[in-house]
Amino acid sequence: MKMTNQAKEYLQEAMKANDVSTLRFYGIAGCCGMNLGVALQEAETNDMVVEVNGVNIAIQPEMKEQLSDVTIDVEEENGEMGIVLTGYNENSCC
């Protein structure tokens, strides 16, 4: 997993504003397996916590494989900034 400097700045500001120290990736059960969820949320007990470009990232172990080649970036859409995951391929069959 990688992170652009723009994403680092955006996430650090968002984490400070929300009084959270971790960006968390977790699985949500769906019709075809686990879907990816993302939140500014503290790590849970079984999460792996890694530092990527100076930002603490918590990853639910079941999601680790899906995120290995991902780059966290930001983009603006309709005047709103948000994170994007370049290289993420959804496991969708619906």
C-alpha atoms as a PDB file:
ATOM      1  CA  MET A   1       0.000   0.000   0.000  1.00  0.00           C
ATOM      2  CA  LYS A   2       1.167   3.493  -0.858  1.00  0.00           C
ATOM      3  CA  MET A   3      -0.158   7.006  -0.246  1.00  0.00           C
ATOM      4  CA  THR A   4       0.369  10.246  -2.134  1.00  0.00           C
ATOM      5  CA  ASN A   5       1.510  13.341  -0.249  1.00  0.00           C
ATOM      6  CA  GLN A   6      -1.792  15.056  -1.137  1.00  0.00           C
ATOM      7  CA  ALA A   7      -3.721  12.185   0.474  1.00  0.00           C
ATOM      8  CA  LYS A   8      -1.461  12.351   3.524  1.00  0.00           C
ATOM      9  CA  GLU A   9      -2.205  16.062   4.033  1.00  0.00           C
ATOM     10  CA  TYR A  10      -5.947  15.570   3.478  1.00  0.00           C
ATOM     11  CA  LEU A  11      -6.166  12.619   5.873  1.00  0.00           C
ATOM     12  CA  GLN A  12      -4.072  14.266   8.585  1.00  0.00           C
ATOM     13  CA  GLU A  13      -6.393  17.284   8.547  1.00  0.00           C
ATOM     14  CA  ALA A  14      -9.516  15.075   8.584  1.00  0.00           C
ATOM     15  CA  MET A  15      -8.134  12.926  11.398  1.00  0.00           C
ATOM     16  CA  LYS A  16      -7.300  15.986  13.479  1.00  0.00           C
ATOM     17  CA  ALA A  17     -10.759  17.505  12.884  1.00  0.00           C
ATOM     18  CA  ASN A  18     -12.427  14.213  13.916  1.00  0.00           C
ATOM     19  CA  ASP A  19     -10.050  13.470  16.814  1.00  0.00           C
ATOM     20  CA  VAL A  20      -9.107  10.090  15.320  1.00  0.00           C
ATOM     21  CA  SER A  21      -5.622   8.678  14.831  1.00  0.00           C
ATOM     22  CA  THR A  22      -6.346   5.947  12.275  1.00  0.00           C
ATOM     23  CA  LEU A  23      -7.841   5.406   8.833  1.00  0.00           C
ATOM     24  CA  ARG A  24      -9.493   1.983   8.940  1.00  0.00           C
ATOM     25  CA  PHE A  25     -10.230  -0.461   6.117  1.00  0.00           C
ATOM     26  CA  TYR A  26     -12.685  -3.224   6.966  1.00  0.00           C
ATOM     27  CA  GLY A  27     -14.941  -5.779   5.314  1.00  0.00           C
ATOM     28  CA  ILE A  28     -18.694  -5.555   4.896  1.00  0.00           C
ATOM     29  CA  ALA A  29     -20.485  -8.802   4.082  1.00  0.00           C
ATOM     30  CA  GLY A  30     -22.136  -8.628   0.668  1.00  0.00           C
ATOM     31  CA  CYS A  31     -23.848 -10.946  -1.791  1.00  0.00           C
ATOM     32  CA  CYS A  32     -20.524 -12.013  -3.314  1.00  0.00           C
ATOM     33  CA  GLY A  33     -18.203 -11.957  -0.341  1.00  0.00           C
ATOM     34  CA  MET A  34     -16.583  -9.068   1.488  1.00  0.00           C
ATOM     35  CA  ASN A  35     -16.929  -5.501   0.241  1.00  0.00           C
ATOM     36  CA  LEU A  36     -14.489  -2.813   1.337  1.00  0.00           C
ATOM     37  CA  GLY A  37     -15.465  -0.249   3.948  1.00  0.00           C
ATOM     38  CA  VAL A  38     -13.349   2.787   4.858  1.00  0.00           C
ATOM     39  CA  ALA A  39     -13.704   5.045   7.899  1.00  0.00           C
ATOM     40  CA  LEU A  40     -11.840   7.491  10.098  1.00  0.00           C
ATOM     41  CA  GLN A  41     -12.004   5.099  13.007  1.00  0.00           C
ATOM     42  CA  GLU A  42      -9.674   3.680  15.637  1.00  0.00           C
ATOM     43  CA  ALA A  43      -8.242   0.202  15.049  1.00  0.00           C
ATOM     44  CA  GLU A  44     -10.172  -2.753  16.370  1.00  0.00           C
ATOM     45  CA  THR A  45      -8.622  -5.613  18.337  1.00  0.00           C
ATOM     46  CA  ASN A  46      -7.670  -7.911  15.441  1.00  0.00           C
ATOM     47  CA  ASP A  47      -6.711  -5.193  12.936  1.00  0.00           C
ATOM     48  CA  MET A  48      -3.207  -4.902  11.554  1.00  0.00           C
ATOM     49  CA  VAL A  49      -1.888  -1.366  11.994  1.00  0.00           C
ATOM     50  CA  VAL A  50       0.715  -0.105   9.528  1.00  0.00           C
ATOM     51  CA  GLU A  51       2.177   3.311   8.892  1.00  0.00           C
ATOM     52  CA  VAL A  52       1.921   4.503   5.302  1.00  0.00           C
ATOM     53  CA  ASN A  53       3.562   7.841   4.470  1.00  0.00           C
ATOM     54  CA  GLY A  54       3.272   8.888   8.118  1.00  0.00           C
ATOM     55  CA  VAL A  55      -0.417   7.948   8.507  1.00  0.00           C
ATOM     56  CA  ASN A  56      -1.625   5.057  10.701  1.00  0.00           C
ATOM     57  CA  ILE A  57      -3.735   2.631   8.699  1.00  0.00           C
ATOM     58  CA  ALA A  58      -5.757  -0.147  10.367  1.00  0.00           C
ATOM     59  CA  ILE A  59      -6.654  -3.097   8.152  1.00  0.00           C
ATOM     60  CA  GLN A  60      -9.026  -5.887   9.028  1.00  0.00           C
ATOM     61  CA  PRO A  61      -6.975  -9.032   8.246  1.00  0.00           C
ATOM     62  CA  GLU A  62      -9.525 -10.358   5.731  1.00  0.00           C
ATOM     63  CA  MET A  63      -9.031  -7.222   3.604  1.00  0.00           C
ATOM     64  CA  LYS A  64      -5.219  -7.225   3.525  1.00  0.00           C
ATOM     65  CA  GLU A  65      -4.891  -9.058   0.204  1.00  0.00           C
ATOM     66  CA  GLN A  66      -7.282  -6.680  -1.620  1.00  0.00           C
ATOM     67  CA  LEU A  67      -5.260  -3.640  -0.497  1.00  0.00           C
ATOM     68  CA  SER A  68      -1.707  -4.818  -1.200  1.00  0.00           C
ATOM     69  CA  ASP A  69      -1.287  -2.957  -4.529  1.00  0.00           C
ATOM     70  CA  VAL A  70      -3.455   0.072  -3.723  1.00  0.00           C
ATOM     71  CA  THR A  71      -2.367   3.715  -3.687  1.00  0.00           C
ATOM     72  CA  ILE A  72      -4.419   6.046  -1.497  1.00  0.00           C
ATOM     73  CA  ASP A  73      -4.966   9.378  -3.262  1.00  0.00           C
ATOM     74  CA  VAL A  74      -7.452  12.260  -3.189  1.00  0.00           C
ATOM     75  CA  GLU A  75      -9.601  13.824  -5.849  1.00  0.00           C
ATOM     76  CA  GLU A  76     -12.230  16.502  -6.057  1.00  0.00           C
ATOM     77  CA  GLU A  77     -15.717  15.700  -7.258  1.00  0.00           C
ATOM     78  CA  ASN A  78     -18.570  18.216  -7.276  1.00  0.00           C
ATOM     79  CA  GLY A  79     -16.521  20.563  -5.104  1.00  0.00           C
ATOM     80  CA  GLU A  80     -15.887  17.906  -2.433  1.00  0.00           C
ATOM     81  CA  MET A  81     -12.547  16.277  -1.699  1.00  0.00           C
ATOM     82  CA  GLY A  82     -12.398  12.574  -0.948  1.00  0.00           C
ATOM     83  CA  ILE A  83     -10.022   9.656  -0.977  1.00  0.00           C
ATOM     84  CA  VAL A  84      -9.719   7.293  -3.911  1.00  0.00           C
ATOM     85  CA  LEU A  85      -7.987   3.934  -4.049  1.00  0.00           C
ATOM     86  CA  THR A  86      -5.975   3.652  -7.254  1.00  0.00           C
ATOM     87  CA  GLY A  87      -5.420   0.031  -8.162  1.00  0.00           C
ATOM     88  CA  TYR A  88      -8.308  -1.334  -6.099  1.00  0.00           C
ATOM     89  CA  ASN A  89     -10.336  -3.981  -7.892  1.00  0.00           C
ATOM     90  CA  GLU A  90     -13.735  -4.697  -6.392  1.00  0.00           C
ATOM     91  CA  ASN A  91     -14.819  -8.295  -6.065  1.00  0.00           C
ATOM     92  CA  SER A  92     -18.247  -7.785  -7.544  1.00  0.00           C
ATOM     93  CA  CYS A  93     -20.539 -10.402  -9.024  1.00  0.00           C
ATOM     94  CA  CYS A  94     -23.913  -8.699  -8.540  1.00  0.00           C
END
